[in-house]
Protein backbone atom coordinates (compact mmCIF):
# COMPACT_ATOMS: atom_id res chain seq x y z
CA UNK A 1 58.66 5.77 -28.37
CA UNK A 2 59.37 4.72 -24.63
CA UNK A 3 60.25 8.05 -23.60
CA UNK A 4 57.05 9.28 -25.25
CA UNK A 5 55.01 6.58 -23.18
CA UNK A 6 56.90 7.38 -20.05
CA UNK A 7 55.63 11.05 -20.36
CA UNK A 8 52.29 9.93 -20.93
CA UNK A 9 52.30 8.01 -17.63
CA UNK A 10 53.97 10.79 -15.59
CA UNK A 11 51.44 13.16 -16.74
CA UNK A 12 48.48 10.63 -16.02
CA UNK A 13 50.13 10.15 -12.54
CA UNK A 14 50.25 13.73 -11.77
CA UNK A 15 46.27 13.97 -12.43
CA UNK A 16 45.60 11.07 -10.77
CA UNK A 17 47.92 12.12 -7.54
CA UNK A 18 45.76 15.63 -7.92
CA UNK A 19 42.44 13.81 -8.33
CA UNK A 20 43.42 11.16 -4.92
CA UNK A 21 44.33 14.57 -3.17
CA UNK A 22 40.98 16.23 -3.84
CA UNK A 23 39.19 12.71 -2.76
CA UNK A 24 41.30 12.59 0.31
CA UNK A 25 40.51 16.22 1.44
CA UNK A 26 36.92 15.54 0.97
CA UNK A 27 36.60 12.60 2.99
CA UNK A 28 38.62 14.08 5.59
CA UNK A 29 36.32 17.35 5.71
CA UNK A 30 33.14 14.68 5.47
CA UNK A 31 34.48 12.87 8.50
CA UNK A 32 35.13 16.23 10.72
CA UNK A 33 31.69 17.98 9.43
CA UNK A 34 30.37 19.62 10.84
CA UNK A 35 32.86 21.17 13.23
CA UNK A 36 31.13 24.51 13.49
CA UNK A 37 27.41 26.05 13.62
CA UNK A 38 25.14 25.60 10.52
CA UNK A 39 23.76 28.79 8.53
CA UNK A 40 20.24 28.23 7.29
CA UNK A 41 18.99 30.80 4.94
CA UNK A 42 15.50 30.86 4.84
CA UNK A 43 12.68 32.29 2.66
CA UNK A 44 10.31 32.58 5.36
CA UNK A 45 9.07 35.56 7.27
CA UNK A 46 10.02 35.24 10.90
CA UNK A 47 7.49 33.70 13.22
CA UNK A 48 4.98 32.40 10.73
CA UNK A 49 4.06 28.92 9.56
CA UNK A 50 6.86 27.31 7.91
CA UNK A 51 9.59 29.24 9.64
CA UNK A 52 8.15 28.04 13.47
CA UNK A 53 7.97 24.50 11.82
CA UNK A 54 11.12 24.66 10.58
CA UNK A 55 12.99 25.73 13.63
CA UNK A 56 11.33 23.31 15.73
CA UNK A 57 12.68 20.63 13.20
CA UNK A 58 16.19 22.32 13.05
CA UNK A 59 16.28 21.70 16.95
CA UNK A 60 16.27 17.86 16.29
CA UNK A 61 18.44 18.15 13.43
CA UNK A 62 21.34 20.32 15.12
CA UNK A 63 21.25 17.70 18.05
CA UNK A 64 22.21 14.89 15.62
CA UNK A 65 24.75 16.90 13.94
CA UNK A 66 26.38 18.07 17.20
CA UNK A 67 26.42 21.69 16.32
CA UNK A 68 23.77 24.43 16.30
CA UNK A 69 21.85 25.63 13.30
CA UNK A 70 21.73 29.40 12.93
CA UNK A 71 18.87 30.71 11.18
CA UNK A 72 18.53 33.84 8.96
CA UNK A 73 15.18 34.87 7.29
CA UNK A 74 15.76 36.35 3.91
CA UNK A 75 12.31 36.95 2.66
CA UNK A 76 11.33 38.59 -0.31
CA UNK A 77 11.08 38.31 -3.97
CA UNK A 78 9.30 35.24 -4.10
CA UNK A 79 12.10 33.35 -2.28
CA UNK A 80 14.66 34.78 -4.79
CA UNK A 81 16.68 36.55 -2.51
CA UNK A 82 17.39 33.59 -0.32
CA UNK A 83 17.97 31.55 -3.35
CA UNK A 84 20.78 33.64 -4.51
CA UNK A 85 22.17 34.31 -1.46
CA UNK A 86 22.81 30.54 -1.04
CA UNK A 87 23.93 30.01 -4.90
CA UNK A 88 26.67 32.43 -4.18
CA UNK A 89 28.01 30.54 -1.00
CA UNK A 90 30.83 27.67 -0.68
CA UNK A 91 29.43 23.93 -1.23
CA UNK A 92 30.85 22.95 2.21
CA UNK A 93 27.57 22.05 4.10
CA UNK A 94 27.59 25.29 6.29
CA UNK A 95 25.47 27.22 4.11
CA UNK A 96 21.84 25.58 3.53
CA UNK A 97 18.60 26.90 1.92
CA UNK A 98 15.00 26.53 3.41
CA UNK A 99 12.72 27.05 0.44
CA UNK A 100 9.07 26.31 -0.41
CA UNK A 101 8.50 25.56 -4.25
CA UNK A 102 8.19 28.82 -5.55
CA UNK A 103 11.74 29.52 -6.71
CA UNK A 104 12.62 25.50 -7.81
CA UNK A 105 9.28 24.94 -9.52
CA UNK A 106 6.86 27.83 -10.29
CA UNK A 107 9.27 30.79 -10.90
CA UNK A 108 10.60 29.55 -14.37
CA UNK A 109 7.23 30.13 -15.68
CA UNK A 110 6.42 33.47 -14.05
CA UNK A 111 9.19 35.31 -14.62
CA UNK A 112 10.97 36.57 -17.83
CA UNK A 113 14.30 36.72 -15.82
CA UNK A 114 17.32 34.47 -15.85
CA UNK A 115 16.10 30.55 -16.06
CA UNK A 116 16.66 28.80 -12.81
CA UNK A 117 17.31 25.17 -12.52
CA UNK A 118 17.28 24.03 -8.88
CA UNK A 119 18.76 20.59 -9.44
CA UNK A 120 21.77 22.06 -11.21
CA UNK A 121 21.70 25.59 -9.55
CA UNK A 122 21.67 24.15 -5.97
CA UNK A 123 22.09 20.79 -4.42
CA UNK A 124 18.88 19.52 -3.35
CA UNK A 125 19.10 17.77 -0.03
CA UNK A 126 15.52 16.61 1.05
CA UNK A 127 11.90 17.71 1.11
CA UNK A 128 10.89 18.42 4.63
CA UNK A 129 7.12 18.54 4.44
CA UNK A 130 4.30 19.15 2.22
CA UNK A 131 1.18 20.98 3.11
CA UNK A 132 -2.46 20.62 1.72
CA UNK A 133 -4.74 23.81 0.43
CA UNK A 134 -8.39 23.65 1.83
CA UNK A 135 -11.41 24.87 0.36
CA UNK A 136 -13.27 26.85 3.02
CA UNK A 137 -16.34 29.23 2.27
CA UNK A 138 -18.20 31.58 4.34
CA UNK A 139 -21.19 29.99 6.51
CA UNK A 140 -23.80 31.62 5.15
CA UNK A 141 -23.29 30.18 1.84
CA UNK A 142 -25.73 27.53 1.81
CA UNK A 143 -23.68 24.40 1.36
CA UNK A 144 -22.44 21.74 3.69
CA UNK A 145 -20.54 19.37 1.60
CA UNK A 146 -18.73 19.37 -1.77
CA UNK A 147 -21.77 18.13 -3.61
CA UNK A 148 -23.95 20.77 -2.64
CA UNK A 149 -20.85 23.20 -2.90
CA UNK A 150 -20.94 21.77 -7.07
CA UNK A 151 -24.94 22.27 -7.52
CA UNK A 152 -24.27 26.13 -5.81
CA UNK A 153 -21.51 27.30 -8.35
CA UNK A 154 -23.41 25.86 -11.28
CA UNK A 155 -26.08 27.97 -10.25
CA UNK A 156 -24.42 31.14 -9.45
CA UNK A 157 -21.32 30.77 -11.52
CA UNK A 158 -21.46 34.51 -12.27
CA UNK A 159 -21.23 35.71 -8.49
CA UNK A 160 -18.98 32.83 -7.33
CA UNK A 161 -15.50 33.80 -6.51
CA UNK A 162 -12.23 32.46 -4.39
CA UNK A 163 -9.31 34.21 -2.48
CA UNK A 164 -6.07 33.37 -2.91
CA UNK A 165 -2.31 34.88 -1.37
CA UNK A 166 -1.93 36.42 -4.90
CA UNK A 167 -1.28 35.48 -8.65
CA UNK A 168 0.80 32.77 -9.47
CA UNK A 169 0.41 31.06 -5.80
CA UNK A 170 -0.64 27.66 -5.17
CA UNK A 171 -4.27 28.98 -4.14
CA UNK A 172 -4.48 30.56 -7.70
CA UNK A 173 -3.37 27.32 -9.41
CA UNK A 174 -5.90 25.33 -7.26
CA UNK A 175 -8.80 27.34 -8.02
CA UNK A 176 -7.65 27.22 -11.97
CA UNK A 177 -7.69 23.34 -11.80
CA UNK A 178 -10.67 23.49 -9.78
CA UNK A 179 -12.48 25.75 -12.47
CA UNK A 180 -11.03 23.23 -15.11
CA UNK A 181 -12.10 19.93 -13.59
CA UNK A 182 -15.58 21.44 -13.13
CA UNK A 183 -15.75 23.36 -16.61
CA UNK A 184 -17.13 26.41 -14.30
CA UNK A 185 -15.08 29.32 -14.45
CA UNK A 186 -14.73 30.37 -10.60
CA UNK A 187 -13.31 34.15 -10.65
CA UNK A 188 -9.74 34.50 -8.86
CA UNK A 189 -9.66 37.33 -6.28
CA UNK A 190 -5.73 37.78 -5.44
CA UNK A 191 -4.61 39.43 -1.76
CA UNK A 192 -1.19 40.17 -0.62
CA UNK A 193 -2.25 40.66 3.26
CA UNK A 194 -4.59 38.96 5.78
CA UNK A 195 -7.70 39.99 3.85
CA UNK A 196 -7.26 36.79 1.80
CA UNK A 197 -9.19 35.30 5.11
CA UNK A 198 -10.83 38.33 6.88
CA UNK A 199 -12.59 38.94 3.75
CA UNK A 200 -13.82 35.60 3.35
CA UNK A 201 -15.03 35.81 7.05
CA UNK A 202 -17.12 39.21 6.22
CA UNK A 203 -18.67 37.71 3.15
CA UNK A 204 -17.30 39.97 0.54
CA UNK A 205 -15.47 37.02 -1.12
CA UNK A 206 -17.49 33.44 -0.64
CA UNK A 207 -14.72 31.32 -0.40
CA UNK A 208 -10.93 30.79 -0.20
CA UNK A 209 -8.22 28.03 -1.03
CA UNK A 210 -5.79 28.61 1.36
CA UNK A 211 -3.38 26.45 3.49
CA UNK A 212 -4.79 24.57 6.71
CA UNK A 213 -2.95 26.85 9.05
CA UNK A 214 -4.53 30.30 7.64
CA UNK A 215 -8.12 28.59 8.06
CA UNK A 216 -8.07 25.98 10.91
CA UNK A 217 -8.57 28.61 13.43
CA UNK A 218 -11.61 29.98 11.98
CA UNK A 219 -13.05 26.74 11.20
CA UNK A 220 -12.96 25.90 14.75
CA UNK A 221 -14.68 29.13 15.61
CA UNK A 222 -17.67 28.76 13.17
CA UNK A 223 -16.38 31.40 11.29
CA UNK A 224 -15.30 29.25 7.88
CA UNK A 225 -16.91 25.94 6.78
CA UNK A 226 -14.75 23.24 5.20
CA UNK A 227 -15.77 21.97 2.18
CA UNK A 228 -13.08 20.06 0.51
CA UNK A 229 -8.75 19.43 0.10
CA UNK A 230 -7.07 20.26 -2.53
CA UNK A 231 -4.32 18.22 -1.32
CA UNK A 232 -2.83 14.84 -2.46
CA UNK A 233 -4.14 12.49 0.54
CA UNK A 234 -6.89 13.11 3.37
CA UNK A 235 -5.64 15.34 6.28
CA UNK A 236 -5.53 13.57 9.60
CA UNK A 237 -6.68 16.76 11.14
CA UNK A 238 -9.91 16.54 8.99
CA UNK A 239 -10.30 13.04 7.89
CA UNK A 240 -13.77 13.62 6.97
CA UNK A 241 -12.81 16.23 4.59
CA UNK A 242 -12.69 14.99 0.92
CA UNK A 243 -10.10 15.33 -1.70
CA UNK A 244 -11.13 17.14 -4.62
CA UNK A 245 -9.73 14.38 -6.86
CA UNK A 246 -11.96 12.13 -5.37
CA UNK A 247 -14.84 13.61 -7.30
CA UNK A 248 -12.74 15.26 -10.18
CA UNK A 249 -9.45 12.63 -10.82
CA UNK A 250 -8.41 15.43 -13.53
CA UNK A 251 -7.89 18.13 -10.64
CA UNK A 252 -4.22 18.52 -10.49
CA UNK A 253 -3.20 19.58 -6.81
CA UNK A 254 -0.25 22.03 -6.95
CA UNK A 255 3.24 21.36 -5.57
CA UNK A 256 2.74 22.64 -1.78
CA UNK A 257 6.44 21.50 -0.38
CA UNK A 258 9.26 22.88 1.93
CA UNK A 259 13.03 21.47 1.60
CA UNK A 260 16.58 22.48 2.41
CA UNK A 261 19.03 22.71 -0.52
CA UNK A 262 22.86 23.04 -0.46
CA UNK A 263 24.93 25.23 -3.06
CA UNK A 264 25.88 23.27 -6.28
CA UNK A 265 28.69 20.79 -5.78
CA UNK A 266 27.84 19.25 -2.21
CA UNK A 267 30.14 16.75 -1.63
CA UNK A 268 28.09 13.58 -1.11
CA UNK A 269 29.34 12.11 2.24
CA UNK A 270 27.95 15.76 3.61
CA UNK A 271 24.72 15.48 1.63
CA UNK A 272 24.39 11.77 3.13
CA UNK A 273 25.28 13.14 6.42
CA UNK A 274 22.87 16.04 6.40
CA UNK A 275 20.03 13.66 5.05
CA UNK A 276 20.54 10.93 8.04
CA UNK A 277 20.40 14.22 10.48
CA UNK A 278 16.79 15.07 8.57
CA UNK A 279 15.48 11.92 8.91
CA UNK A 280 16.54 11.89 12.43
CA UNK A 281 14.72 15.47 13.14
CA UNK A 282 11.52 14.21 11.11
CA UNK A 283 11.22 10.96 13.19
CA UNK A 284 10.49 13.20 16.62
CA UNK A 285 6.72 11.72 17.60
CA UNK A 286 5.73 14.60 19.04
CA UNK A 287 6.62 17.19 16.47
CA UNK A 288 5.17 14.75 13.94
CA UNK A 289 2.01 14.68 15.36
CA UNK A 290 1.89 18.38 16.08
CA UNK A 291 2.60 19.21 12.54
CA UNK A 292 0.17 16.60 11.12
CA UNK A 293 -2.81 18.79 13.19
CA UNK A 294 -1.38 21.83 11.26
CA UNK A 295 -1.79 19.98 8.10
CA UNK A 296 1.80 19.52 7.71
CA UNK A 297 2.91 15.76 5.92
CA UNK A 298 6.58 15.28 6.89
CA UNK A 299 8.61 13.80 3.69
CA UNK A 300 12.28 13.23 4.17
CA UNK A 301 13.13 12.02 1.08
CA UNK A 302 16.73 11.18 -0.75
CA UNK A 303 18.28 13.67 -3.13
CA UNK A 304 17.51 11.43 -5.75
CA UNK A 305 13.65 11.37 -4.83
CA UNK A 306 13.76 15.05 -4.55
CA UNK A 307 15.48 15.66 -7.72
CA UNK A 308 12.69 13.63 -9.35
CA UNK A 309 10.04 15.53 -7.12
CA UNK A 310 11.18 18.85 -8.55
CA UNK A 311 11.37 17.43 -12.07
CA UNK A 312 7.69 15.89 -11.54
CA UNK A 313 6.36 19.50 -10.47
CA UNK A 314 8.04 21.70 -13.07
CA UNK A 315 5.83 19.61 -15.30
CA UNK A 316 2.55 20.06 -13.15
CA UNK A 317 3.48 23.75 -12.69
CA UNK A 318 3.75 24.06 -16.52
CA UNK A 319 0.34 22.93 -17.08
CA UNK A 320 -1.36 24.77 -13.71
CA UNK A 321 0.32 28.25 -15.20
CA UNK A 322 -1.39 27.56 -18.60
CA UNK A 323 -4.73 26.89 -16.84
CA UNK A 324 -4.50 29.81 -14.71
CA UNK A 325 -3.61 31.98 -18.05
CA UNK A 326 -0.76 33.86 -16.23
CA UNK A 327 1.93 35.83 -18.14
CA UNK A 328 5.52 35.64 -17.37
CA UNK A 329 6.36 39.46 -16.16
CA UNK A 330 9.93 41.00 -15.46
């Protein structure tokens, strides 16, 4: 009997030593992390919107971590290429994904491919920012505010349409939610190039639902007129532009955030160190003010808060996909 108990103790002792060894290795790695450049895989196209802002934020984060951050743009397939490249990497804190809500939230409803759960297939670190969609019309449309807009689409429902950057995009979802809230079917005109805006300016399409950076220059030049925001709060850049939810509480704004992820299994000490650096990067007052004018609202939530946000937005996206009547494709 005593020999049997002794064998159990020996086995448990060996297992304990292995566990303690792993924990010690993680602690030492976290203490020395980072000791080399950090590789960020970005789903964004170089030189545009999210890419430009993220690089400015990374400059501050790198200064806090004491190591450079090298960005590799891997656009394409709605963010899936960048996602897969990150998922195959080691969870050591040296490979990080910069991604919008596309793969983590909406892809599961738009593709028949392998289901993706970003809270398990990756380690959510923090959401960096949220942007808003604006409802903008061609100035020839005889409306100057949202109430006049509602009257106009009621009287002209057969010829009213809106442009977006494609089927299954946030603009498409916002338009579907607006149609459901108003009870008026507003035809969707999808684009995959800059005609999403130029065709509204030329009058071929009466209005668009697009992010701030796509329309702001045209609004200042008088080529477009702002009517409402499809976001969750009024924008600092356009405080007089009302939210659609102020008129229709049932309107559901689509998820429009960008965040940082690591491969699954990132050690918690490294996760916390990265989060601290992210908060420092987002606290730059000049950068924050400039980003706000461009329609970007900094977030900087914790891992747990980011996971909760993703899970919440998965439910939102499910409802919006049904409203937009989108069928999953291969």
